[in-house]
Protein backbone atom coordinates (compact mmCIF):
# COMPACT_ATOMS: atom_id res chain seq x y z
CA UNK A 1 -26.74 -5.93 -35.23
CA UNK A 2 -24.66 -4.64 -32.01
CA UNK A 3 -21.45 -2.69 -32.23
CA UNK A 4 -19.55 -3.50 -29.15
CA UNK A 5 -16.45 -1.40 -28.44
CA UNK A 6 -13.23 -1.69 -25.94
CA UNK A 7 -11.99 1.65 -25.72
CA UNK A 8 -8.33 1.98 -24.36
CA UNK A 9 -5.91 4.63 -23.79
CA UNK A 10 -4.86 5.01 -27.46
CA UNK A 11 -6.74 2.46 -29.45
CA UNK A 12 -10.45 0.91 -30.01
CA UNK A 13 -11.04 -2.91 -30.40
CA UNK A 14 -14.65 -3.32 -31.94
CA UNK A 15 -16.67 -6.28 -33.20
CA UNK A 16 -20.20 -6.70 -34.75
CA UNK A 17 -22.35 -9.17 -32.80
CA UNK A 18 -25.35 -10.76 -34.11
CA UNK A 19 -25.89 -14.14 -32.94
CA UNK A 20 -22.22 -14.64 -32.94
CA UNK A 21 -19.21 -12.23 -33.92
CA UNK A 22 -19.72 -11.25 -37.71
CA UNK A 23 -16.71 -8.84 -37.81
CA UNK A 24 -14.10 -7.23 -35.76
CA UNK A 25 -11.21 -4.97 -35.93
CA UNK A 26 -9.00 -2.38 -34.37
CA UNK A 27 -8.96 1.43 -34.88
CA UNK A 28 -7.18 4.59 -33.36
CA UNK A 29 -8.83 6.52 -30.73
CA UNK A 30 -7.54 9.81 -32.19
CA UNK A 31 -9.03 9.30 -35.46
CA UNK A 32 -11.44 6.25 -35.36
CA UNK A 33 -12.58 4.51 -38.30
CA UNK A 34 -16.14 3.09 -37.55
CA UNK A 35 -17.40 0.04 -39.59
CA UNK A 36 -19.90 0.84 -42.23
CA UNK A 37 -22.93 -0.76 -41.28
CA UNK A 38 -26.55 -0.37 -39.61
CA UNK A 39 -26.55 -1.10 -35.91
CA UNK A 40 -29.11 -1.33 -33.45
CA UNK A 41 -27.38 -1.15 -30.10
CA UNK A 42 -23.91 0.08 -29.13
CA UNK A 43 -22.22 -1.29 -26.09
CA UNK A 44 -19.17 0.21 -24.70
CA UNK A 45 -16.31 -0.60 -22.28
CA UNK A 46 -14.28 2.69 -21.95
CA UNK A 47 -11.15 3.51 -19.65
CA UNK A 48 -10.90 6.93 -21.62
CA UNK A 49 -11.59 10.31 -19.89
CA UNK A 50 -15.18 11.29 -19.49
CA UNK A 51 -14.81 13.93 -22.08
CA UNK A 52 -13.67 11.51 -24.41
CA UNK A 53 -16.60 9.36 -23.85
CA UNK A 54 -19.15 12.01 -24.20
CA UNK A 55 -17.71 13.00 -27.47
CA UNK A 56 -17.84 9.65 -28.73
CA UNK A 57 -21.25 9.05 -27.34
CA UNK A 58 -22.50 12.03 -29.25
CA UNK A 59 -20.43 10.90 -32.41
CA UNK A 60 -21.56 7.47 -32.47
CA UNK A 61 -25.42 8.34 -31.70
CA UNK A 62 -25.37 10.78 -34.77
CA UNK A 63 -23.78 8.08 -36.87
CA UNK A 64 -25.67 4.98 -35.97
CA UNK A 65 -29.01 6.55 -34.84
CA UNK A 66 -28.93 4.80 -31.25
CA UNK A 67 -27.93 5.83 -28.01
CA UNK A 68 -24.72 4.04 -26.86
CA UNK A 69 -24.70 2.24 -23.52
CA UNK A 70 -21.53 2.36 -21.25
CA UNK A 71 -20.62 -0.65 -18.98
CA UNK A 72 -20.28 0.24 -15.44
CA UNK A 73 -18.82 -1.41 -12.26
CA UNK A 74 -21.28 -2.77 -9.80
CA UNK A 75 -20.99 -4.22 -6.33
CA UNK A 76 -22.37 -7.56 -7.54
CA UNK A 77 -23.35 -8.91 -11.14
CA UNK A 78 -23.57 -12.25 -12.85
CA UNK A 79 -22.30 -13.95 -9.98
CA UNK A 80 -19.13 -11.87 -9.26
CA UNK A 81 -18.77 -9.78 -6.21
CA UNK A 82 -16.49 -6.75 -6.53
CA UNK A 83 -13.59 -6.75 -3.95
CA UNK A 84 -13.29 -2.83 -4.11
CA UNK A 85 -15.08 -1.09 -1.33
CA UNK A 86 -15.52 1.73 -3.59
CA UNK A 87 -16.55 0.09 -6.74
CA UNK A 88 -15.89 3.26 -8.65
CA UNK A 89 -12.27 2.93 -8.32
CA UNK A 90 -12.13 -0.15 -10.11
CA UNK A 91 -11.50 0.04 -13.88
CA UNK A 92 -14.35 -1.11 -15.88
CA UNK A 93 -12.24 -3.26 -18.14
CA UNK A 94 -10.89 -5.26 -14.98
CA UNK A 95 -14.48 -5.67 -14.04
CA UNK A 96 -15.57 -7.02 -17.43
CA UNK A 97 -13.01 -9.64 -17.91
CA UNK A 98 -14.09 -11.01 -14.19
CA UNK A 99 -17.49 -11.26 -15.43
CA UNK A 100 -16.44 -13.03 -18.50
CA UNK A 101 -13.92 -15.26 -16.56
CA UNK A 102 -16.59 -16.30 -14.07
CA UNK A 103 -19.05 -17.31 -16.84
CA UNK A 104 -16.40 -19.18 -18.87
CA UNK A 105 -14.82 -21.05 -15.71
CA UNK A 106 -18.39 -22.23 -14.40
CA UNK A 107 -17.69 -21.45 -10.93
CA UNK A 108 -14.00 -22.55 -10.80
CA UNK A 109 -11.44 -20.06 -9.57
CA UNK A 110 -9.24 -18.14 -11.74
CA UNK A 111 -6.45 -15.70 -12.20
CA UNK A 112 -7.31 -13.00 -15.01
CA UNK A 113 -4.46 -11.04 -16.65
CA UNK A 114 -4.97 -7.92 -18.82
CA UNK A 115 -1.89 -7.07 -20.65
CA UNK A 116 -2.51 -3.92 -21.92
CA UNK A 117 -0.66 -0.22 -21.35
CA UNK A 118 -0.81 -1.28 -17.77
CA UNK A 119 -0.82 -4.94 -16.76
CA UNK A 120 -3.39 -5.98 -14.25
CA UNK A 121 -3.77 -9.19 -12.40
CA UNK A 122 -7.13 -10.03 -10.74
CA UNK A 123 -8.00 -13.05 -8.43
CA UNK A 124 -11.32 -14.53 -8.61
CA UNK A 125 -12.47 -17.25 -6.23
CA UNK A 126 -14.51 -20.36 -6.93
CA UNK A 127 -17.72 -18.76 -5.50
CA UNK A 128 -17.27 -15.48 -7.36
CA UNK A 129 -15.54 -13.32 -4.97
CA UNK A 130 -13.04 -10.77 -6.32
CA UNK A 131 -10.41 -11.28 -3.80
CA UNK A 132 -7.67 -8.61 -5.10
CA UNK A 133 -5.47 -7.60 -7.70
CA UNK A 134 -2.15 -6.16 -8.85
CA UNK A 135 -1.28 -3.39 -11.19
CA UNK A 136 2.10 -2.98 -13.03
CA UNK A 137 3.43 -1.04 -16.18
CA UNK A 138 2.76 -3.11 -19.52
CA UNK A 139 5.20 -4.05 -21.66
CA UNK A 140 5.01 -0.53 -23.89
CA UNK A 141 4.84 1.41 -20.83
CA UNK A 142 8.12 -0.35 -19.44
CA UNK A 143 10.04 1.18 -22.36
CA UNK A 144 8.19 4.56 -22.94
CA UNK A 145 9.12 4.92 -18.82
CA UNK A 146 12.65 5.03 -19.78
CA UNK A 147 12.41 7.90 -22.46
CA UNK A 148 10.29 9.81 -19.86
CA UNK A 149 12.54 9.40 -16.74
CA UNK A 150 16.09 9.11 -18.04
CA UNK A 151 18.37 11.81 -19.86
CA UNK A 152 20.59 9.23 -21.66
CA UNK A 153 18.60 6.44 -22.88
CA UNK A 154 17.07 7.54 -26.25
CA UNK A 155 16.07 5.19 -29.28
CA UNK A 156 14.14 6.03 -32.34
CA UNK A 157 11.81 2.93 -32.56
CA UNK A 158 11.27 -0.41 -30.70
CA UNK A 159 13.84 -3.11 -31.75
CA UNK A 160 13.57 -6.88 -31.71
CA UNK A 161 14.33 -8.50 -28.21
CA UNK A 162 17.26 -10.52 -27.83
CA UNK A 163 17.80 -13.59 -25.54
CA UNK A 164 21.10 -12.32 -24.24
CA UNK A 165 20.45 -8.67 -24.43
CA UNK A 166 20.76 -6.12 -27.25
CA UNK A 167 23.77 -4.40 -28.81
CA UNK A 168 22.31 -0.96 -28.96
CA UNK A 169 20.07 1.07 -26.84
CA UNK A 170 17.01 0.25 -28.50
CA UNK A 171 17.83 -3.61 -28.45
CA UNK A 172 18.63 -3.13 -24.71
CA UNK A 173 15.45 -1.93 -23.76
CA UNK A 174 13.12 -4.22 -25.83
CA UNK A 175 15.18 -6.98 -24.14
CA UNK A 176 14.68 -5.61 -20.69
CA UNK A 177 11.23 -5.22 -21.30
CA UNK A 178 10.95 -9.10 -22.39
CA UNK A 179 13.15 -9.84 -19.24
CA UNK A 180 10.56 -8.24 -17.00
CA UNK A 181 7.55 -9.77 -18.66
CA UNK A 182 9.22 -13.35 -18.03
CA UNK A 183 9.64 -12.52 -14.31
CA UNK A 184 5.96 -11.19 -14.23
CA UNK A 185 5.04 -14.52 -15.77
CA UNK A 186 6.92 -16.42 -13.17
CA UNK A 187 5.30 -14.39 -10.74
CA UNK A 188 1.88 -15.32 -11.92
CA UNK A 189 2.68 -19.03 -11.67
CA UNK A 190 3.86 -18.50 -8.15
CA UNK A 191 0.80 -16.58 -7.07
CA UNK A 192 -1.27 -19.50 -8.47
CA UNK A 193 0.44 -21.97 -6.11
CA UNK A 194 -0.30 -19.77 -3.14
CA UNK A 195 -3.85 -18.84 -4.25
CA UNK A 196 -5.11 -22.08 -5.89
CA UNK A 197 -3.02 -24.66 -7.83
CA UNK A 198 -6.12 -25.40 -9.66
CA UNK A 199 -6.88 -22.08 -10.91
CA UNK A 200 -7.06 -21.07 -14.63
CA UNK A 201 -4.83 -18.39 -15.86
CA UNK A 202 -6.90 -16.48 -18.53
CA UNK A 203 -4.89 -13.72 -20.42
CA UNK A 204 -6.14 -10.75 -22.42
CA UNK A 205 -5.23 -7.55 -23.77
CA UNK A 206 -3.12 -6.05 -26.57
CA UNK A 207 0.11 -7.88 -25.37
CA UNK A 208 -1.46 -11.18 -24.26
CA UNK A 209 0.26 -13.11 -26.92
CA UNK A 210 3.50 -11.77 -25.75
CA UNK A 211 3.09 -12.85 -22.08
CA UNK A 212 1.31 -16.07 -23.23
CA UNK A 213 4.46 -17.02 -24.79
CA UNK A 214 6.10 -17.35 -21.44
CA UNK A 215 3.45 -19.55 -19.99
CA UNK A 216 1.97 -21.62 -23.01
CA UNK A 217 3.77 -24.69 -21.78
CA UNK A 218 1.94 -24.32 -18.25
CA UNK A 219 -1.36 -26.19 -17.62
CA UNK A 220 -4.78 -24.25 -17.55
CA UNK A 221 -3.26 -21.17 -19.29
CA UNK A 222 -5.41 -19.64 -22.20
CA UNK A 223 -4.86 -16.51 -24.32
CA UNK A 224 -8.40 -14.96 -24.92
CA UNK A 225 -7.88 -11.49 -26.37
CA UNK A 226 -11.48 -10.44 -26.48
CA UNK A 227 -12.34 -11.01 -23.00
CA UNK A 228 -13.32 -7.51 -21.89
CA UNK A 229 -15.88 -7.40 -24.90
CA UNK A 230 -17.08 -10.93 -23.83
CA UNK A 231 -18.07 -9.48 -20.48
CA UNK A 232 -19.89 -6.82 -22.04
CA UNK A 233 -23.14 -8.52 -22.24
CA UNK A 234 -23.03 -9.57 -18.41
CA UNK A 235 -22.49 -6.28 -16.83
CA UNK A 236 -25.07 -3.41 -15.95
CA UNK A 237 -24.82 -0.71 -18.70
CA UNK A 238 -26.00 3.00 -18.74
CA UNK A 239 -26.28 5.72 -21.14
CA UNK A 240 -24.27 8.96 -20.33
């Protein structure tokens, strides 16, 4: 049994994999609750700080009796060529979704969108070349930025977005975030027209379903929440 982990900025998505996915779940990065089962391998994608990774490696190794392996970005892997001159600058989560997308699309071009804390968009040509990408604040970051950068915009909790705007601050902020997400969705469609009209749009990440709502009526658009974990089996991995 293999334990696969997708470690983000605040949460950990995990799954147990044998010949297929056996169990899966989500836990907090602050006080994680790990599955109670025996595993013989641990594969990790992490965008956390190095000290967090080191502490997790020790904890998981002690708990399960095997040394975790962390996915890393390489110049070329599984048919995909990294578009960054300095591969160490590319987030490993972005790399893994590119690997998974290339395998899934079997040589067709794709636009891969990871809607997490930050929203990333990466373009993958049919020949496996990563041609470039975009990074913008994600849905929740859009809202938290208002709290951190403005003195008079305050709200206690997230409210339901309304189609014609909110009637209190929380509602206005949520509605504004939805409006921006709708604009991002439109921009992705425009990007596809300019990049390759036949490209698939693959959406993953914690807010994938929210972005997918704006694109689900379009052809060749899929919501694939576990694309990072799908790429783990394809990437180079190393112990800390």
